[in-house]
Every structure is written in C-alpha cells, then in structure tokens.
Amino acid sequence: MRHGKKINHLGRTTPHRKAMLANMACSLILHKRITTTVAKAKALRTYVEPLLTKSKDDSTNSRRVVFSYLQDKDAITTLFREIAVKIADRPGGYTRIIKTGNRIGDNADMCFIELVDYNELMLSSKAGKTEKATTRRGRAKKKADEPAAVAAPVVADAPAEEVTPAEEITPATEESSSTEE
C-alpha cells in the first residue's frame, strides 16, 4: 500500500532521481525557464524552492548546504548573486508552472517551469493593466477625435468665424465612421 508516501519517485532509483533533480535545478537557475513534464516540474518545485529560500541568507553555511544539493559552482554563483537579490522580499512561491499541452511522441503532459520574477512578459502585462484599460469604444472615439485634433491648430490661428466650418467637418467624420461599423 502507498499510505503516507508523498514523494513522486518518477520511475527512477533514488540516486538517479536526485541527480536528475539537481541537474534540472541548475538548468532552472541558469536559464530561468525550462520545459519538462508536469510530474517532473512538480517534483522540481519541491526540490528547488527550499534552496531558493536558503539563498536569501548569503552565508558560508547556506552556500555549503545549497552546494551539497546542486554541485555546480556557476549555478550557486548565479543563485546567490542575481536571484537572491530579486526574491529577497518574496515570502515564497518562487516558481510558476505553466502547462503547454501534450507531447507528440508519448502524449505526456508538458509545461514550463520558470522563476516568477524573471518573466518579463507577465511583469510588463501587469504594469500595463495598472495604467488604464482601453476599450473598443474608446478607440473609436479617438479615431473620431483625430481629425478635430488636426484641424484644431489651424482653427486656433484663424479668426473666430472659421471655427464653425471646422466643427461642421467633425460630425461628418463621425457619421462616416458609424456607417463603417
């Protein structure tokens, strides 16, 4: 029976599994995003997140502990110099798993696992959402207002009598844009 056994063995022996997770963790630290199966990504998350937490404290002991897991000096250097600075104020949840569908050969569930603070697309989309959301109606108004904005500097230099013809042109452009829709 399988009662209380929480580790996914991934069909491997213990040394093979530890070596695979260490290699995947080094690749994740160096490349910030890797593609793998969902089962391996979930196992990797439980393996690498305590190491990321340990990297926040840049001491000799924490470096030795992390090195005992990863065995890669380049990954350790990157982890303690670059990544630890970015995740210093984050209380946890350093990785994100994004499912990408099934692999063609064996239909395995595939995904990306990435470090949260290094995805520029998601960070920029969050910044874009906080500014102001544009709607389709708002864009139509902007297109209708553009001819009036172009005509406005010409009207400003002209006498007050020419203002009325410029205002008459603006409703005509609004009527033409409403017929296109």
N, C-alpha and C. Protein backbone atom coordinates (compact mmCIF):
# COMPACT_ATOMS: atom_id res chain seq x y z
N MET A 1 0.84 -1.19 0.00
CA MET A 1 0.00 0.00 0.00
C MET A 1 0.88 1.25 0.00
N ARG A 2 0.27 2.36 -0.39
CA ARG A 2 1.02 3.59 -0.58
C ARG A 2 0.70 4.63 0.49
N HIS A 3 0.24 4.25 1.62
CA HIS A 3 -0.19 5.22 2.62
C HIS A 3 0.95 6.10 3.10
N GLY A 4 0.73 7.43 3.03
CA GLY A 4 1.67 8.39 3.61
C GLY A 4 2.96 8.59 2.84
N LYS A 5 3.07 8.05 1.63
CA LYS A 5 4.28 8.24 0.85
C LYS A 5 4.05 9.39 -0.12
N LYS A 6 4.69 10.51 0.15
CA LYS A 6 4.38 11.74 -0.57
C LYS A 6 5.36 12.06 -1.69
N ILE A 7 6.47 11.35 -1.79
CA ILE A 7 7.47 11.65 -2.82
C ILE A 7 7.11 10.91 -4.10
N ASN A 8 7.10 11.64 -5.21
CA ASN A 8 6.91 11.01 -6.52
C ASN A 8 8.27 10.48 -6.96
N HIS A 9 8.38 9.18 -7.11
CA HIS A 9 9.66 8.56 -7.43
C HIS A 9 10.02 8.70 -8.90
N LEU A 10 9.07 9.07 -9.74
CA LEU A 10 9.30 9.34 -11.15
C LEU A 10 9.88 8.15 -11.90
N GLY A 11 9.66 6.96 -11.40
CA GLY A 11 10.14 5.75 -12.08
C GLY A 11 11.64 5.61 -12.08
N ARG A 12 12.32 6.15 -11.08
CA ARG A 12 13.78 6.14 -11.04
C ARG A 12 14.26 5.70 -9.66
N THR A 13 15.50 5.26 -9.61
CA THR A 13 16.09 4.94 -8.32
C THR A 13 16.44 6.24 -7.61
N THR A 14 16.71 6.16 -6.33
CA THR A 14 16.96 7.36 -5.54
C THR A 14 18.17 8.17 -6.05
N PRO A 15 19.33 7.56 -6.31
CA PRO A 15 20.43 8.39 -6.81
C PRO A 15 20.16 9.00 -8.18
N HIS A 16 19.47 8.25 -9.04
CA HIS A 16 19.13 8.78 -10.36
C HIS A 16 18.18 9.96 -10.24
N ARG A 17 17.19 9.83 -9.36
CA ARG A 17 16.21 10.91 -9.17
C ARG A 17 16.88 12.15 -8.59
N LYS A 18 17.76 11.98 -7.62
CA LYS A 18 18.45 13.13 -7.02
C LYS A 18 19.35 13.83 -8.03
N ALA A 19 20.06 13.04 -8.85
CA ALA A 19 20.93 13.63 -9.87
C ALA A 19 20.10 14.37 -10.91
N MET A 20 18.96 13.80 -11.32
CA MET A 20 18.10 14.45 -12.31
C MET A 20 17.54 15.76 -11.77
N LEU A 21 17.06 15.74 -10.53
CA LEU A 21 16.51 16.97 -9.94
C LEU A 21 17.59 18.03 -9.75
N ALA A 22 18.81 17.62 -9.39
CA ALA A 22 19.90 18.58 -9.23
C ALA A 22 20.24 19.21 -10.59
N ASN A 23 20.28 18.39 -11.65
CA ASN A 23 20.56 18.93 -12.98
C ASN A 23 19.45 19.87 -13.44
N MET A 24 18.21 19.49 -13.19
CA MET A 24 17.09 20.35 -13.59
C MET A 24 17.10 21.65 -12.80
N ALA A 25 17.44 21.58 -11.51
CA ALA A 25 17.50 22.78 -10.69
C ALA A 25 18.60 23.72 -11.18
N CYS A 26 19.76 23.17 -11.55
CA CYS A 26 20.84 24.00 -12.10
C CYS A 26 20.41 24.66 -13.40
N SER A 27 19.72 23.90 -14.26
CA SER A 27 19.25 24.47 -15.52
C SER A 27 18.23 25.56 -15.28
N LEU A 28 17.34 25.36 -14.31
CA LEU A 28 16.34 26.38 -13.99
C LEU A 28 17.00 27.65 -13.47
N ILE A 29 18.00 27.49 -12.63
CA ILE A 29 18.69 28.65 -12.07
C ILE A 29 19.46 29.41 -13.15
N LEU A 30 20.12 28.69 -14.04
CA LEU A 30 20.92 29.34 -15.07
C LEU A 30 20.08 29.93 -16.19
N HIS A 31 19.00 29.25 -16.60
CA HIS A 31 18.22 29.68 -17.75
C HIS A 31 16.90 30.36 -17.38
N LYS A 32 16.51 30.31 -16.13
CA LYS A 32 15.31 30.95 -15.59
C LYS A 32 14.00 30.32 -16.05
N ARG A 33 14.04 29.42 -17.04
CA ARG A 33 12.83 28.73 -17.52
C ARG A 33 13.26 27.47 -18.25
N ILE A 34 12.58 26.36 -17.93
CA ILE A 34 12.86 25.11 -18.64
C ILE A 34 11.54 24.44 -19.00
N THR A 35 11.57 23.60 -20.02
CA THR A 35 10.41 22.84 -20.45
C THR A 35 10.58 21.40 -19.99
N THR A 36 9.56 20.85 -19.36
CA THR A 36 9.62 19.49 -18.85
C THR A 36 8.20 18.95 -18.69
N THR A 37 8.09 17.74 -18.16
CA THR A 37 6.75 17.19 -17.92
C THR A 37 6.20 17.77 -16.61
N VAL A 38 4.90 17.68 -16.46
CA VAL A 38 4.26 18.26 -15.28
C VAL A 38 4.71 17.54 -14.01
N ALA A 39 4.84 16.21 -14.07
CA ALA A 39 5.26 15.46 -12.89
C ALA A 39 6.66 15.85 -12.44
N LYS A 40 7.58 15.99 -13.40
CA LYS A 40 8.94 16.40 -13.06
C LYS A 40 8.96 17.84 -12.56
N ALA A 41 8.13 18.70 -13.12
CA ALA A 41 8.09 20.10 -12.69
C ALA A 41 7.60 20.21 -11.25
N LYS A 42 6.60 19.42 -10.90
CA LYS A 42 6.09 19.46 -9.52
C LYS A 42 7.13 18.92 -8.55
N ALA A 43 7.85 17.88 -8.95
CA ALA A 43 8.92 17.35 -8.10
C ALA A 43 10.05 18.37 -7.98
N LEU A 44 10.36 19.05 -9.09
CA LEU A 44 11.42 20.05 -9.08
C LEU A 44 11.05 21.23 -8.19
N ARG A 45 9.78 21.61 -8.20
CA ARG A 45 9.36 22.74 -7.37
C ARG A 45 9.63 22.46 -5.89
N THR A 46 9.29 21.24 -5.43
CA THR A 46 9.52 20.91 -4.02
C THR A 46 11.02 20.79 -3.72
N TYR A 47 11.82 20.54 -4.74
CA TYR A 47 13.27 20.40 -4.57
C TYR A 47 13.96 21.76 -4.54
N VAL A 48 13.54 22.68 -5.41
CA VAL A 48 14.30 23.92 -5.61
C VAL A 48 13.82 25.07 -4.72
N GLU A 49 12.57 25.08 -4.32
CA GLU A 49 12.09 26.23 -3.53
C GLU A 49 12.77 26.34 -2.16
N PRO A 50 13.03 25.25 -1.43
CA PRO A 50 13.81 25.42 -0.19
C PRO A 50 15.23 25.93 -0.44
N LEU A 51 15.81 25.57 -1.59
CA LEU A 51 17.15 26.08 -1.92
C LEU A 51 17.10 27.57 -2.19
N LEU A 52 16.04 28.03 -2.85
CA LEU A 52 15.89 29.46 -3.10
C LEU A 52 15.69 30.22 -1.80
N THR A 53 14.94 29.64 -0.88
CA THR A 53 14.76 30.28 0.43
C THR A 53 16.09 30.34 1.18
N LYS A 54 16.88 29.28 1.07
CA LYS A 54 18.18 29.24 1.74
C LYS A 54 19.13 30.28 1.14
N SER A 55 18.95 30.60 -0.15
CA SER A 55 19.86 31.55 -0.80
C SER A 55 19.65 32.99 -0.35
N LYS A 56 18.53 33.28 0.30
CA LYS A 56 18.30 34.65 0.77
C LYS A 56 19.33 35.05 1.83
N ASP A 57 19.78 34.07 2.61
CA ASP A 57 20.81 34.32 3.63
C ASP A 57 22.16 33.96 3.03
N ASP A 58 22.91 34.95 2.61
CA ASP A 58 24.19 34.71 1.94
C ASP A 58 25.28 34.50 2.99
N SER A 59 25.33 33.31 3.53
CA SER A 59 26.37 32.98 4.49
C SER A 59 27.13 31.76 3.98
N THR A 60 28.26 31.49 4.58
CA THR A 60 29.07 30.36 4.15
C THR A 60 28.31 29.05 4.35
N ASN A 61 27.60 28.94 5.45
CA ASN A 61 26.87 27.71 5.72
C ASN A 61 25.75 27.48 4.69
N SER A 62 25.01 28.53 4.36
CA SER A 62 23.93 28.35 3.39
C SER A 62 24.49 28.02 2.00
N ARG A 63 25.63 28.60 1.64
CA ARG A 63 26.26 28.26 0.37
C ARG A 63 26.69 26.79 0.35
N ARG A 64 27.21 26.31 1.46
CA ARG A 64 27.64 24.91 1.52
C ARG A 64 26.45 23.96 1.45
N VAL A 65 25.38 24.31 2.11
CA VAL A 65 24.19 23.46 2.08
C VAL A 65 23.62 23.39 0.67
N VAL A 66 23.50 24.54 0.00
CA VAL A 66 22.97 24.57 -1.36
C VAL A 66 23.92 23.84 -2.31
N PHE A 67 25.24 23.99 -2.10
CA PHE A 67 26.20 23.30 -2.96
C PHE A 67 26.12 21.79 -2.78
N SER A 68 25.79 21.33 -1.58
CA SER A 68 25.66 19.89 -1.37
C SER A 68 24.50 19.31 -2.18
N TYR A 69 23.51 20.13 -2.50
CA TYR A 69 22.40 19.68 -3.33
C TYR A 69 22.69 19.81 -4.82
N LEU A 70 23.30 20.92 -5.23
CA LEU A 70 23.40 21.22 -6.67
C LEU A 70 24.72 20.81 -7.31
N GLN A 71 25.85 20.91 -6.60
CA GLN A 71 27.16 20.51 -7.12
C GLN A 71 27.55 21.25 -8.40
N ASP A 72 27.18 22.54 -8.51
CA ASP A 72 27.53 23.33 -9.70
C ASP A 72 27.87 24.74 -9.24
N LYS A 73 29.14 25.12 -9.38
CA LYS A 73 29.59 26.42 -8.89
C LYS A 73 28.96 27.58 -9.64
N ASP A 74 28.77 27.43 -10.96
CA ASP A 74 28.15 28.52 -11.73
C ASP A 74 26.72 28.77 -11.29
N ALA A 75 25.98 27.69 -11.05
CA ALA A 75 24.59 27.83 -10.60
C ALA A 75 24.53 28.46 -9.22
N ILE A 76 25.46 28.08 -8.35
CA ILE A 76 25.49 28.66 -6.99
C ILE A 76 25.78 30.15 -7.06
N THR A 77 26.74 30.53 -7.90
CA THR A 77 27.09 31.95 -8.04
C THR A 77 25.91 32.75 -8.57
N THR A 78 25.24 32.23 -9.60
CA THR A 78 24.07 32.91 -10.15
C THR A 78 22.96 33.02 -9.11
N LEU A 79 22.76 31.93 -8.38
CA LEU A 79 21.69 31.90 -7.38
C LEU A 79 21.91 32.95 -6.29
N PHE A 80 23.11 33.02 -5.75
CA PHE A 80 23.35 33.92 -4.64
C PHE A 80 23.57 35.37 -5.06
N ARG A 81 24.04 35.62 -6.28
CA ARG A 81 24.30 36.99 -6.70
C ARG A 81 23.09 37.65 -7.36
N GLU A 82 22.43 36.94 -8.28
CA GLU A 82 21.34 37.56 -9.04
C GLU A 82 19.96 37.23 -8.48
N ILE A 83 19.69 35.95 -8.32
CA ILE A 83 18.33 35.52 -8.00
C ILE A 83 17.97 35.90 -6.57
N ALA A 84 18.90 35.72 -5.62
CA ALA A 84 18.59 36.03 -4.22
C ALA A 84 18.24 37.50 -4.03
N VAL A 85 18.83 38.37 -4.83
CA VAL A 85 18.53 39.80 -4.73
C VAL A 85 17.10 40.07 -5.18
N LYS A 86 16.65 39.40 -6.25
CA LYS A 86 15.31 39.63 -6.77
C LYS A 86 14.22 39.05 -5.89
N ILE A 87 14.51 37.92 -5.23
CA ILE A 87 13.47 37.26 -4.44
C ILE A 87 13.55 37.60 -2.96
N ALA A 88 14.35 38.58 -2.61
CA ALA A 88 14.59 38.89 -1.19
C ALA A 88 13.31 39.25 -0.45
N ASP A 89 12.39 39.97 -1.08
CA ASP A 89 11.19 40.40 -0.38
C ASP A 89 10.00 39.47 -0.61
N ARG A 90 10.17 38.41 -1.40
CA ARG A 90 9.08 37.47 -1.68
C ARG A 90 9.05 36.40 -0.59
N PRO A 91 7.89 36.17 0.03
CA PRO A 91 7.83 35.21 1.14
C PRO A 91 7.79 33.75 0.71
N GLY A 92 7.68 33.47 -0.55
CA GLY A 92 7.62 32.08 -1.03
C GLY A 92 7.02 32.08 -2.42
N GLY A 93 6.85 30.91 -2.99
CA GLY A 93 6.26 30.82 -4.33
C GLY A 93 7.17 31.39 -5.38
N TYR A 94 8.39 30.88 -5.46
CA TYR A 94 9.39 31.44 -6.36
C TYR A 94 9.27 30.91 -7.78
N THR A 95 8.53 29.82 -7.98
CA THR A 95 8.42 29.21 -9.30
C THR A 95 6.98 29.22 -9.77
N ARG A 96 6.81 29.14 -11.08
CA ARG A 96 5.48 29.09 -11.70
C ARG A 96 5.49 27.97 -12.71
N ILE A 97 4.43 27.17 -12.72
CA ILE A 97 4.29 26.08 -13.69
C ILE A 97 3.18 26.47 -14.65
N ILE A 98 3.50 26.50 -15.95
CA ILE A 98 2.53 26.84 -16.99
C ILE A 98 2.40 25.64 -17.92
N LYS A 99 1.22 25.05 -17.96
CA LYS A 99 1.01 23.86 -18.78
C LYS A 99 0.92 24.26 -20.25
N THR A 100 1.56 23.46 -21.10
CA THR A 100 1.62 23.79 -22.53
C THR A 100 0.94 22.77 -23.41
N GLY A 101 0.39 21.73 -22.87
CA GLY A 101 -0.27 20.72 -23.69
C GLY A 101 0.45 19.39 -23.60
N ASN A 102 0.19 18.52 -24.56
CA ASN A 102 0.76 17.18 -24.52
C ASN A 102 1.88 17.03 -25.55
N ARG A 103 2.86 16.20 -25.20
CA ARG A 103 3.98 15.92 -26.09
C ARG A 103 3.50 15.01 -27.21
N ILE A 104 4.00 15.23 -28.41
CA ILE A 104 3.52 14.49 -29.58
C ILE A 104 3.89 13.01 -29.48
N GLY A 105 5.08 12.68 -29.05
CA GLY A 105 5.55 11.30 -29.08
C GLY A 105 4.79 10.36 -28.16
N ASP A 106 4.63 10.75 -26.89
CA ASP A 106 4.02 9.84 -25.92
C ASP A 106 2.82 10.45 -25.18
N ASN A 107 2.37 11.61 -25.62
CA ASN A 107 1.18 12.26 -25.05
C ASN A 107 1.36 12.63 -23.57
N ALA A 108 2.60 12.89 -23.15
CA ALA A 108 2.85 13.30 -21.77
C ALA A 108 2.47 14.76 -21.59
N ASP A 109 1.95 15.11 -20.42
CA ASP A 109 1.60 16.50 -20.11
C ASP A 109 2.88 17.31 -19.97
N MET A 110 3.03 18.34 -20.80
CA MET A 110 4.22 19.17 -20.79
C MET A 110 3.92 20.53 -20.18
N CYS A 111 4.99 21.20 -19.71
CA CYS A 111 4.82 22.51 -19.10
C CYS A 111 6.14 23.26 -19.11
N PHE A 112 6.04 24.55 -18.81
CA PHE A 112 7.19 25.38 -18.49
C PHE A 112 7.24 25.47 -16.98
N ILE A 113 8.42 25.44 -16.42
CA ILE A 113 8.59 25.86 -15.03
C ILE A 113 9.59 27.00 -15.08
N GLU A 114 9.23 28.11 -14.44
CA GLU A 114 10.06 29.30 -14.53
C GLU A 114 10.11 30.01 -13.19
N LEU A 115 11.12 30.83 -13.05
CA LEU A 115 11.22 31.68 -11.86
C LEU A 115 10.28 32.86 -12.04
N VAL A 116 9.51 33.16 -11.03
CA VAL A 116 8.42 34.13 -11.14
C VAL A 116 8.93 35.53 -11.48
N ASP A 117 9.99 35.98 -10.86
CA ASP A 117 10.46 37.35 -11.03
C ASP A 117 11.23 37.58 -12.32
N TYR A 118 11.37 36.55 -13.16
CA TYR A 118 12.15 36.70 -14.38
C TYR A 118 11.33 36.63 -15.65
N ASN A 119 10.03 36.56 -15.58
CA ASN A 119 9.20 36.53 -16.78
C ASN A 119 8.83 37.95 -17.14
N GLU A 120 9.52 38.53 -18.12
CA GLU A 120 9.33 39.93 -18.49
C GLU A 120 7.96 40.16 -19.11
N LEU A 121 7.43 39.18 -19.82
CA LEU A 121 6.12 39.36 -20.45
C LEU A 121 5.02 39.53 -19.42
N MET A 122 5.03 38.68 -18.39
CA MET A 122 3.99 38.79 -17.37
C MET A 122 4.18 40.03 -16.51
N LEU A 123 5.43 40.39 -16.26
CA LEU A 123 5.68 41.60 -15.47
C LEU A 123 5.23 42.84 -16.23
N SER A 124 5.46 42.88 -17.55
CA SER A 124 5.05 44.04 -18.33
C SER A 124 3.53 44.08 -18.50
N SER A 125 2.88 42.91 -18.58
CA SER A 125 1.43 42.91 -18.71
C SER A 125 0.77 43.38 -17.42
N LYS A 126 1.36 43.05 -16.27
CA LYS A 126 0.82 43.55 -15.00
C LYS A 126 0.96 45.07 -14.92
N ALA A 127 2.08 45.61 -15.40
CA ALA A 127 2.29 47.06 -15.40
C ALA A 127 1.31 47.72 -16.36
N GLY A 128 1.03 47.10 -17.49
CA GLY A 128 0.10 47.65 -18.46
C GLY A 128 -1.33 47.66 -17.94
N LYS A 129 -1.71 46.67 -17.16
CA LYS A 129 -3.07 46.60 -16.63
C LYS A 129 -3.31 47.67 -15.57
N THR A 130 -2.28 48.03 -14.84
CA THR A 130 -2.47 49.00 -13.78
C THR A 130 -2.63 50.42 -14.32
N GLU A 131 -2.12 50.69 -15.52
CA GLU A 131 -2.21 52.04 -16.05
C GLU A 131 -3.66 52.41 -16.40
N LYS A 132 -4.15 51.90 -17.53
CA LYS A 132 -5.52 52.17 -17.90
C LYS A 132 -5.92 51.18 -18.99
N ALA A 133 -7.04 50.55 -18.78
CA ALA A 133 -7.51 49.59 -19.77
C ALA A 133 -8.25 50.34 -20.86
N THR A 134 -7.94 50.04 -22.12
CA THR A 134 -8.62 50.68 -23.23
C THR A 134 -9.72 49.76 -23.73
N THR A 135 -10.79 50.35 -24.21
CA THR A 135 -11.90 49.58 -24.73
C THR A 135 -12.07 49.87 -26.20
N ARG A 136 -12.88 49.09 -26.84
CA ARG A 136 -13.10 49.28 -28.26
C ARG A 136 -13.82 50.62 -28.51
N ARG A 137 -14.74 50.92 -27.64
CA ARG A 137 -15.47 52.18 -27.78
C ARG A 137 -14.51 53.35 -27.63
N GLY A 138 -13.55 53.24 -26.72
CA GLY A 138 -12.58 54.32 -26.52
C GLY A 138 -11.71 54.54 -27.74
N ARG A 139 -11.36 53.46 -28.43
CA ARG A 139 -10.54 53.59 -29.62
C ARG A 139 -11.33 54.25 -30.74
N ALA A 140 -12.63 53.94 -30.84
CA ALA A 140 -13.44 54.55 -31.88
C ALA A 140 -13.56 56.06 -31.64
N LYS A 141 -13.66 56.46 -30.38
CA LYS A 141 -13.72 57.88 -30.07
C LYS A 141 -12.42 58.57 -30.47
N LYS A 142 -11.30 57.91 -30.20
CA LYS A 142 -10.01 58.51 -30.52
C LYS A 142 -9.89 58.72 -32.03
N LYS A 143 -10.35 57.75 -32.82
CA LYS A 143 -10.28 57.89 -34.27
C LYS A 143 -11.17 59.04 -34.74
N ALA A 144 -12.33 59.20 -34.12
CA ALA A 144 -13.24 60.28 -34.50
C ALA A 144 -12.67 61.63 -34.08
N ASP A 145 -11.95 61.65 -32.97
CA ASP A 145 -11.40 62.92 -32.48
C ASP A 145 -10.14 63.34 -33.22
N GLU A 146 -9.47 62.42 -33.87
CA GLU A 146 -8.21 62.77 -34.53
C GLU A 146 -8.36 63.85 -35.60
N PRO A 147 -9.36 63.81 -36.49
CA PRO A 147 -9.47 64.91 -37.47
C PRO A 147 -9.71 66.26 -36.80
N ALA A 148 -10.47 66.27 -35.71
CA ALA A 148 -10.70 67.52 -35.00
C ALA A 148 -9.41 68.01 -34.35
N ALA A 149 -8.60 67.08 -33.87
CA ALA A 149 -7.34 67.47 -33.25
C ALA A 149 -6.39 68.03 -34.30
N VAL A 150 -6.44 67.50 -35.51
CA VAL A 150 -5.59 68.00 -36.59
C VAL A 150 -6.08 69.38 -37.02
N ALA A 151 -7.38 69.57 -37.08
CA ALA A 151 -7.94 70.84 -37.51
C ALA A 151 -7.82 71.91 -36.43
N ALA A 152 -7.66 71.54 -35.19
CA ALA A 152 -7.64 72.50 -34.09
C ALA A 152 -6.50 73.51 -34.20
N PRO A 153 -5.27 73.15 -34.53
CA PRO A 153 -4.22 74.17 -34.63
C PRO A 153 -4.49 75.16 -35.76
N VAL A 154 -5.07 74.72 -36.86
CA VAL A 154 -5.39 75.62 -37.95
C VAL A 154 -6.46 76.61 -37.51
N VAL A 155 -7.44 76.13 -36.77
CA VAL A 155 -8.54 76.97 -36.31
C VAL A 155 -8.05 77.97 -35.27
N ALA A 156 -7.08 77.60 -34.46
CA ALA A 156 -6.60 78.48 -33.41
C ALA A 156 -5.96 79.74 -33.99
N ASP A 157 -5.29 79.62 -35.13
CA ASP A 157 -4.67 80.79 -35.76
C ASP A 157 -5.68 81.62 -36.54
N ALA A 158 -6.77 81.01 -36.94
CA ALA A 158 -7.76 81.67 -37.76
C ALA A 158 -8.72 82.50 -36.90
N PRO A 159 -9.44 83.44 -37.51
CA PRO A 159 -10.43 84.21 -36.76
C PRO A 159 -11.57 83.31 -36.28
N ALA A 160 -12.41 83.85 -35.38
CA ALA A 160 -13.50 83.09 -34.76
C ALA A 160 -14.54 82.65 -35.77
N GLU A 161 -14.67 83.32 -36.92
CA GLU A 161 -15.67 82.97 -37.92
C GLU A 161 -15.37 81.61 -38.54
N GLU A 162 -14.10 81.20 -38.67
CA GLU A 162 -13.76 79.94 -39.29
C GLU A 162 -13.92 78.75 -38.36
N VAL A 163 -14.21 78.97 -37.10
CA VAL A 163 -14.38 77.88 -36.14
C VAL A 163 -15.60 77.05 -36.49
N THR A 164 -16.67 77.67 -36.92
CA THR A 164 -17.89 76.92 -37.22
C THR A 164 -17.72 75.94 -38.38
N PRO A 165 -17.01 76.25 -39.46
CA PRO A 165 -16.83 75.24 -40.50
C PRO A 165 -16.02 74.03 -40.01
N ALA A 166 -15.03 74.24 -39.15
CA ALA A 166 -14.25 73.11 -38.62
C ALA A 166 -15.12 72.21 -37.77
N GLU A 167 -16.06 72.79 -37.01
CA GLU A 167 -16.97 71.99 -36.20
C GLU A 167 -17.95 71.22 -37.08
N GLU A 168 -18.29 71.75 -38.24
CA GLU A 168 -19.19 71.06 -39.14
C GLU A 168 -18.50 69.86 -39.78
N ILE A 169 -17.20 69.88 -39.96
CA ILE A 169 -16.46 68.77 -40.55
C ILE A 169 -16.41 67.59 -39.58
N THR A 170 -16.28 67.86 -38.29
CA THR A 170 -16.17 66.80 -37.30
C THR A 170 -17.39 65.89 -37.27
N PRO A 171 -18.65 66.39 -37.26
CA PRO A 171 -19.79 65.46 -37.28
C PRO A 171 -19.84 64.61 -38.55
N ALA A 172 -19.36 65.11 -39.66
CA ALA A 172 -19.36 64.33 -40.90
C ALA A 172 -18.43 63.13 -40.76
N THR A 173 -17.30 63.30 -40.11
CA THR A 173 -16.39 62.17 -39.92
C THR A 173 -16.98 61.16 -38.96
N GLU A 174 -17.74 61.62 -37.97
CA GLU A 174 -18.40 60.70 -37.05
C GLU A 174 -19.46 59.88 -37.78
N GLU A 175 -20.20 60.52 -38.71
CA GLU A 175 -21.22 59.80 -39.47
C GLU A 175 -20.58 58.76 -40.37
N SER A 176 -19.43 59.07 -40.98
CA SER A 176 -18.77 58.11 -41.87
C SER A 176 -18.22 56.93 -41.08
N SER A 177 -17.73 57.18 -39.85
CA SER A 177 -17.20 56.06 -39.05
C SER A 177 -18.34 55.19 -38.54
N SER A 178 -19.53 55.77 -38.27
CA SER A 178 -20.65 54.96 -37.81
C SER A 178 -21.21 54.11 -38.93
N THR A 179 -21.12 54.55 -40.20
CA THR A 179 -21.62 53.74 -41.30
C THR A 179 -20.68 52.58 -41.59
N GLU A 180 -19.39 52.71 -41.27
CA GLU A 180 -18.45 51.62 -41.49
C GLU A 180 -18.70 50.49 -40.51
N GLU A 181 -19.12 50.80 -39.31
CA GLU A 181 -19.34 49.78 -38.30
C GLU A 181 -20.62 49.06 -38.63
